[in-house]
Amino acid sequence: MCRNIKTLFNFEPPATEGEVEAASLQFVRKLSGFQAPSKVNEEAFHLAVLEVTAAAQKLLNSLVTHAEPRDREVELERARIRNAKRFGTAQSEE
């Protein structure tokens, strides 16, 4: 489940609000153990996602680095290579 949480700091272009929210949703799902909460837990679940998203965005906005920003395409290719090694399959071109 948490494999979908990706590093979001120091990329060019910066992480979008949607990426931060998606990572926050995955985090709350992992903590709660719910893929989708029951009706009785729905409000607390969605509030947690909003609060984690705000905290994550605040963190990303406050971090400082002197390293060059990472390129999304390079990182994507590295991930494809790792997956091919891990799963032993060739990745198709997209």
C-alpha atoms as a PDB file:
ATOM      1  CA  MET A   1       0.000   0.000   0.000  1.00  0.00           C
ATOM      2  CA  CYS A   2       2.712   2.533   0.919  1.00  0.00           C
ATOM      3  CA  ARG A   3       4.773   1.795  -2.162  1.00  0.00           C
ATOM      4  CA  ASN A   4       2.687   4.530  -3.777  1.00  0.00           C
ATOM      5  CA  ILE A   5       4.175   7.152  -1.480  1.00  0.00           C
ATOM      6  CA  LYS A   6       6.986   8.721  -3.470  1.00  0.00           C
ATOM      7  CA  THR A   7       9.643  11.234  -2.541  1.00  0.00           C
ATOM      8  CA  LEU A   8       8.215  14.648  -3.375  1.00  0.00           C
ATOM      9  CA  PHE A   9      10.995  17.007  -2.317  1.00  0.00           C
ATOM     10  CA  ASN A  10      13.530  18.632  -4.641  1.00  0.00           C
ATOM     11  CA  PHE A  11      11.989  17.924  -8.024  1.00  0.00           C
ATOM     12  CA  GLU A  12      11.679  20.196 -10.979  1.00  0.00           C
ATOM     13  CA  PRO A  13       8.874  20.994 -11.453  1.00  0.00           C
ATOM     14  CA  PRO A  14       7.861  20.844  -7.777  1.00  0.00           C
ATOM     15  CA  ALA A  15       5.305  18.330  -6.519  1.00  0.00           C
ATOM     16  CA  THR A  16       1.731  19.252  -7.307  1.00  0.00           C
ATOM     17  CA  GLU A  17      -1.035  19.587  -4.733  1.00  0.00           C
ATOM     18  CA  GLY A  18      -2.496  16.381  -6.153  1.00  0.00           C
ATOM     19  CA  GLU A  19       0.734  14.458  -5.581  1.00  0.00           C
ATOM     20  CA  VAL A  20       0.952  15.673  -1.993  1.00  0.00           C
ATOM     21  CA  GLU A  21      -2.698  14.755  -1.391  1.00  0.00           C
ATOM     22  CA  ALA A  22      -2.249  11.292  -2.957  1.00  0.00           C
ATOM     23  CA  ALA A  23       0.736  10.578  -0.714  1.00  0.00           C
ATOM     24  CA  SER A  24      -1.234  11.808   2.309  1.00  0.00           C
ATOM     25  CA  LEU A  25      -4.168   9.566   1.422  1.00  0.00           C
ATOM     26  CA  GLN A  26      -1.846   6.549   1.192  1.00  0.00           C
ATOM     27  CA  PHE A  27      -0.319   7.444   4.558  1.00  0.00           C
ATOM     28  CA  VAL A  28      -3.725   7.712   6.259  1.00  0.00           C
ATOM     29  CA  ARG A  29      -4.833   4.441   4.631  1.00  0.00           C
ATOM     30  CA  LYS A  30      -1.728   2.719   5.997  1.00  0.00           C
ATOM     31  CA  LEU A  31      -2.181   4.112   9.505  1.00  0.00           C
ATOM     32  CA  SER A  32      -5.888   3.349   9.680  1.00  0.00           C
ATOM     33  CA  GLY A  33      -5.813   0.032   7.860  1.00  0.00           C
ATOM     34  CA  PHE A  34      -8.764   1.193   5.752  1.00  0.00           C
ATOM     35  CA  GLN A  35      -8.742   1.331   1.978  1.00  0.00           C
ATOM     36  CA  ALA A  36     -12.070   3.114   2.310  1.00  0.00           C
ATOM     37  CA  PRO A  37     -13.496   3.950   5.738  1.00  0.00           C
ATOM     38  CA  SER A  38     -16.917   2.932   6.964  1.00  0.00           C
ATOM     39  CA  LYS A  39     -19.612   5.607   7.119  1.00  0.00           C
ATOM     40  CA  VAL A  40     -19.040   6.077  10.837  1.00  0.00           C
ATOM     41  CA  ASN A  41     -15.288   6.678  10.282  1.00  0.00           C
ATOM     42  CA  GLU A  42     -15.545   8.608   7.034  1.00  0.00           C
ATOM     43  CA  GLU A  43     -15.438  12.108   8.532  1.00  0.00           C
ATOM     44  CA  ALA A  44     -12.411  11.356  10.732  1.00  0.00           C
ATOM     45  CA  PHE A  45     -10.634   9.679   7.801  1.00  0.00           C
ATOM     46  CA  HIS A  46     -11.149  12.613   5.437  1.00  0.00           C
ATOM     47  CA  LEU A  47     -10.178  15.123   8.129  1.00  0.00           C
ATOM     48  CA  ALA A  48      -6.956  13.187   8.702  1.00  0.00           C
ATOM     49  CA  VAL A  49      -6.174  13.272   4.978  1.00  0.00           C
ATOM     50  CA  LEU A  50      -6.677  17.055   4.932  1.00  0.00           C
ATOM     51  CA  GLU A  51      -4.493  17.574   8.000  1.00  0.00           C
ATOM     52  CA  VAL A  52      -1.722  15.282   6.761  1.00  0.00           C
ATOM     53  CA  THR A  53      -1.817  17.020   3.364  1.00  0.00           C
ATOM     54  CA  ALA A  54      -1.439  20.418   5.038  1.00  0.00           C
ATOM     55  CA  ALA A  55       1.431  19.177   7.223  1.00  0.00           C
ATOM     56  CA  ALA A  56       3.170  17.544   4.256  1.00  0.00           C
ATOM     57  CA  GLN A  57       2.854  20.700   2.139  1.00  0.00           C
ATOM     58  CA  LYS A  58       4.183  22.807   5.019  1.00  0.00           C
ATOM     59  CA  LEU A  59       7.156  20.443   5.325  1.00  0.00           C
ATOM     60  CA  LEU A  60       7.910  20.515   1.593  1.00  0.00           C
ATOM     61  CA  ASN A  61       7.683  24.315   1.558  1.00  0.00           C
ATOM     62  CA  SER A  62      10.087  24.681   4.491  1.00  0.00           C
ATOM     63  CA  LEU A  63      12.808  22.214   3.435  1.00  0.00           C
ATOM     64  CA  VAL A  64      16.055  23.617   2.055  1.00  0.00           C
ATOM     65  CA  THR A  65      18.702  21.914  -0.055  1.00  0.00           C
ATOM     66  CA  HIS A  66      21.761  22.901  -2.027  1.00  0.00           C
ATOM     67  CA  ALA A  67      21.465  19.844  -4.267  1.00  0.00           C
ATOM     68  CA  GLU A  68      20.349  20.203  -7.859  1.00  0.00           C
ATOM     69  CA  PRO A  69      16.648  19.410  -8.369  1.00  0.00           C
ATOM     70  CA  ARG A  70      15.964  15.878  -9.554  1.00  0.00           C
ATOM     71  CA  ASP A  71      14.546  15.248 -12.991  1.00  0.00           C
ATOM     72  CA  ARG A  72      11.250  13.340 -12.988  1.00  0.00           C
ATOM     73  CA  GLU A  73      12.045  11.507 -16.232  1.00  0.00           C
ATOM     74  CA  VAL A  74      15.412  10.287 -14.928  1.00  0.00           C
ATOM     75  CA  GLU A  75      13.816   9.077 -11.695  1.00  0.00           C
ATOM     76  CA  LEU A  76      11.042   7.337 -13.643  1.00  0.00           C
ATOM     77  CA  GLU A  77      13.604   5.483 -15.766  1.00  0.00           C
ATOM     78  CA  ARG A  78      15.531   4.433 -12.636  1.00  0.00           C
ATOM     79  CA  ALA A  79      12.283   3.090 -11.164  1.00  0.00           C
ATOM     80  CA  ARG A  80      11.599   1.107 -14.348  1.00  0.00           C
ATOM     81  CA  ILE A  81      15.053  -0.458 -14.162  1.00  0.00           C
ATOM     82  CA  ARG A  82      14.586  -1.353 -10.466  1.00  0.00           C
ATOM     83  CA  ASN A  83      11.196  -2.908 -11.230  1.00  0.00           C
ATOM     84  CA  ALA A  84      12.605  -4.922 -14.120  1.00  0.00           C
ATOM     85  CA  LYS A  85      15.325  -6.290 -11.834  1.00  0.00           C
ATOM     86  CA  ARG A  86      12.898  -6.929  -8.987  1.00  0.00           C
ATOM     87  CA  PHE A  87      10.157  -8.589 -10.988  1.00  0.00           C
ATOM     88  CA  GLY A  88      12.283  -9.979 -13.813  1.00  0.00           C
ATOM     89  CA  THR A  89      10.148  -8.542 -16.575  1.00  0.00           C
ATOM     90  CA  ALA A  90      10.856  -6.032 -19.285  1.00  0.00           C
ATOM     91  CA  GLN A  91       8.909  -2.827 -18.906  1.00  0.00           C
ATOM     92  CA  SER A  92       6.893  -1.800 -21.952  1.00  0.00           C
ATOM     93  CA  GLU A  93       7.373   1.587 -23.569  1.00  0.00           C
ATOM     94  CA  GLU A  94       4.671   4.105 -22.724  1.00  0.00           C
END
